[in-house]
Amino acid sequence: MKPARSTAGGSADDPLRPNQYDGAMRPIPVGVKGTFTLRVTPARLANQFKDAMLPPVFATPMMIMAMENAALNAIRAYLDPGESAVGTAVDVRHLAATPVGHDVTAEAEVTRVDGRRVEFNVTARDEKEEIGRGTHERMVIDVRRLDQRLSGKSKAKA
């Protein structure tokens, strides 16, 4: 498979928007994979993390965090210094409950690269079965430009 190249940039006909990254991004190959493993601790249970009325099972936001980290790990080697990749979309189903003490491993595979936008298929498994699956999207960003944008949103200290 041929690696996708960034189409980020501008011309007289297509000027850069203020938040558009104009750097030359390294190619990210379709098919590259990453993983992230964590242990289900009491702090990661739905009844601790979200609401006490929920059962003591691995919380969905924690599963999504593992999937996002797996996606970042998949492309980390293709990011240059000063670049990062932020999550922009998540569409997942939590398929099975996982109790405290289990290890959960998330896997992400790059399925499409369109300029700075990188799409992934994501899954999560505990020690017994698949517990989640779906899609995720990240956007490669220039950290310095993001810092500049955020500084414009900073609230003045009273």
Protein backbone atom coordinates (compact mmCIF):
# COMPACT_ATOMS: atom_id res chain seq x y z
CA MET A 1 0.00 0.00 0.00
CA LYS A 2 1.17 3.46 -0.82
CA PRO A 3 1.46 5.90 2.11
CA ALA A 4 -0.88 8.85 2.01
CA ARG A 5 0.64 12.32 1.87
CA SER A 6 -0.56 15.49 3.47
CA THR A 7 -2.46 17.88 1.26
CA ALA A 8 -2.37 20.60 3.92
CA GLY A 9 -1.26 23.93 2.63
CA GLY A 10 -2.64 26.78 0.65
CA SER A 11 -2.51 28.65 -2.61
CA ALA A 12 -3.96 31.85 -3.99
CA ASP A 13 -7.11 29.86 -4.81
CA ASP A 14 -7.13 28.02 -1.46
CA PRO A 15 -5.77 30.31 1.29
CA LEU A 16 -4.95 28.90 4.71
CA ARG A 17 -7.56 29.23 7.41
CA PRO A 18 -6.23 30.57 10.76
CA ASN A 19 -6.28 27.12 12.39
CA GLN A 20 -5.04 25.18 9.35
CA TYR A 21 -1.65 23.48 9.75
CA ASP A 22 0.63 24.50 6.90
CA GLY A 23 3.62 22.28 7.71
CA ALA A 24 4.83 19.41 5.60
CA MET A 25 3.49 16.33 7.34
CA ARG A 26 5.33 13.01 7.06
CA PRO A 27 3.41 10.24 5.25
CA ILE A 28 1.34 7.94 7.50
CA PRO A 29 0.81 4.51 5.91
CA VAL A 30 -2.65 2.97 5.79
CA GLY A 31 -2.58 -0.29 7.78
CA VAL A 32 -0.20 0.84 10.52
CA LYS A 33 -1.35 -0.37 13.98
CA GLY A 34 -0.93 0.63 17.58
CA THR A 35 -1.98 -0.80 20.93
CA PHE A 36 -2.56 0.42 24.47
CA THR A 37 -3.10 -1.80 27.53
CA LEU A 38 -4.41 -0.86 30.96
CA ARG A 39 -5.57 -2.70 34.07
CA VAL A 40 -9.16 -2.19 35.21
CA THR A 41 -8.82 -0.61 38.65
CA PRO A 42 -11.64 0.57 40.94
CA ALA A 43 -11.11 4.18 39.75
CA ARG A 44 -11.89 3.04 36.18
CA LEU A 45 -15.23 1.42 37.06
CA ALA A 46 -18.50 3.04 36.01
CA ASN A 47 -19.80 3.14 39.60
CA GLN A 48 -16.70 5.06 40.74
CA PHE A 49 -15.93 7.17 37.70
CA LYS A 50 -19.48 8.18 36.76
CA ASP A 51 -22.33 7.34 39.16
CA ALA A 52 -22.62 5.11 42.24
CA MET A 53 -25.89 3.60 40.94
CA LEU A 54 -24.02 1.98 38.02
CA PRO A 55 -22.61 -1.56 38.26
CA PRO A 56 -18.91 -2.14 39.08
CA VAL A 57 -17.79 -2.59 35.44
CA PHE A 58 -15.18 -0.91 33.23
CA ALA A 59 -16.48 2.55 32.29
CA THR A 60 -17.10 3.35 28.63
CA PRO A 61 -15.10 6.63 28.74
CA MET A 62 -12.10 4.65 30.01
CA MET A 63 -12.45 2.20 27.09
CA ILE A 64 -12.56 5.13 24.67
CA MET A 65 -9.45 6.62 26.29
CA ALA A 66 -7.61 3.31 25.68
CA MET A 67 -8.76 3.29 22.03
CA GLU A 68 -7.61 6.90 21.54
CA ASN A 69 -4.22 6.10 23.09
CA ALA A 70 -3.87 3.06 20.78
CA ALA A 71 -4.58 5.33 17.79
CA LEU A 72 -1.98 7.85 18.92
CA ASN A 73 0.52 5.02 19.43
CA ALA A 74 -0.17 3.82 15.86
CA ILE A 75 1.00 7.11 14.34
CA ARG A 76 3.45 8.37 16.97
CA ALA A 77 6.50 7.32 14.92
CA TYR A 78 5.24 9.38 11.95
CA LEU A 79 4.90 12.65 13.87
CA ASP A 80 7.71 15.16 13.73
CA PRO A 81 8.89 17.13 16.77
CA GLY A 82 6.35 19.87 17.42
CA GLU A 83 3.48 17.84 15.98
CA SER A 84 0.77 15.95 17.82
CA ALA A 85 -2.56 14.41 16.86
CA VAL A 86 -5.76 15.32 18.67
CA GLY A 87 -8.97 13.31 18.72
CA THR A 88 -11.78 14.80 16.63
CA ALA A 89 -14.37 12.00 16.37
CA VAL A 90 -15.30 8.76 18.14
CA ASP A 91 -18.01 6.28 17.15
CA VAL A 92 -17.80 3.12 19.27
CA ARG A 93 -19.99 0.48 20.84
CA HIS A 94 -19.27 -0.98 24.26
CA LEU A 95 -20.15 -4.66 23.70
CA ALA A 96 -19.31 -6.47 26.94
CA ALA A 97 -18.74 -5.74 30.61
CA THR A 98 -15.32 -6.12 32.25
CA PRO A 99 -14.80 -6.42 36.03
CA VAL A 100 -11.97 -4.98 38.11
CA GLY A 101 -8.60 -6.72 37.81
CA HIS A 102 -8.70 -7.53 34.10
CA ASP A 103 -6.27 -6.12 31.56
CA VAL A 104 -7.89 -4.37 28.60
CA THR A 105 -5.97 -4.00 25.35
CA ALA A 106 -7.12 -1.56 22.69
CA GLU A 107 -5.90 -1.77 19.11
CA ALA A 108 -6.15 0.87 16.39
CA GLU A 109 -5.44 0.51 12.68
CA VAL A 110 -5.12 3.40 10.24
CA THR A 111 -7.77 3.00 7.54
CA ARG A 112 -7.56 6.35 5.75
CA VAL A 113 -5.39 9.46 5.65
CA ASP A 114 -6.80 12.64 4.11
CA GLY A 115 -4.41 15.52 4.58
CA ARG A 116 -4.03 15.97 8.34
CA ARG A 117 -7.11 13.81 9.11
CA VAL A 118 -6.33 10.21 10.08
CA GLU A 119 -9.10 7.60 10.44
CA PHE A 120 -8.85 4.37 12.43
CA ASN A 121 -10.75 1.17 13.13
CA VAL A 122 -10.53 0.58 16.87
CA THR A 123 -11.21 -2.44 19.07
CA ALA A 124 -10.82 -3.30 22.75
CA ARG A 125 -10.53 -6.74 24.37
CA ASP A 126 -10.36 -7.92 27.94
CA GLU A 127 -8.76 -11.25 28.83
CA LYS A 128 -11.87 -13.17 27.70
CA GLU A 129 -13.52 -11.38 24.74
CA GLU A 130 -13.89 -8.33 22.57
CA ILE A 131 -15.52 -5.60 24.63
CA GLY A 132 -15.72 -2.73 22.15
CA ARG A 133 -15.30 -1.71 18.52
CA GLY A 134 -15.80 1.26 16.27
CA THR A 135 -14.03 4.09 14.49
CA HIS A 136 -11.94 7.03 15.60
CA GLU A 137 -10.48 10.09 13.90
CA ARG A 138 -7.48 12.24 14.82
CA MET A 139 -6.09 15.43 13.32
CA VAL A 140 -2.35 16.09 13.07
CA ILE A 141 -1.62 19.51 14.52
CA ASP A 142 1.26 21.90 15.02
CA VAL A 143 1.55 22.24 18.81
CA ARG A 144 2.97 25.78 18.62
CA ARG A 145 0.00 26.97 16.56
CA LEU A 146 -2.41 25.32 18.98
CA ASP A 147 -0.67 27.00 21.91
CA GLN A 148 -1.04 30.37 20.17
CA ARG A 149 -4.73 29.74 19.55
CA LEU A 150 -5.32 28.68 23.16
CA SER A 151 -3.50 31.71 24.53
CA GLY A 152 -6.11 33.83 22.74
CA LYS A 153 -8.80 32.00 24.73
CA SER A 154 -7.09 32.42 28.10
CA LYS A 155 -9.18 34.11 30.74
CA ALA A 156 -7.65 37.11 32.48
CA LYS A 157 -6.84 36.50 36.13
CA ALA A 158 -8.93 38.61 38.49
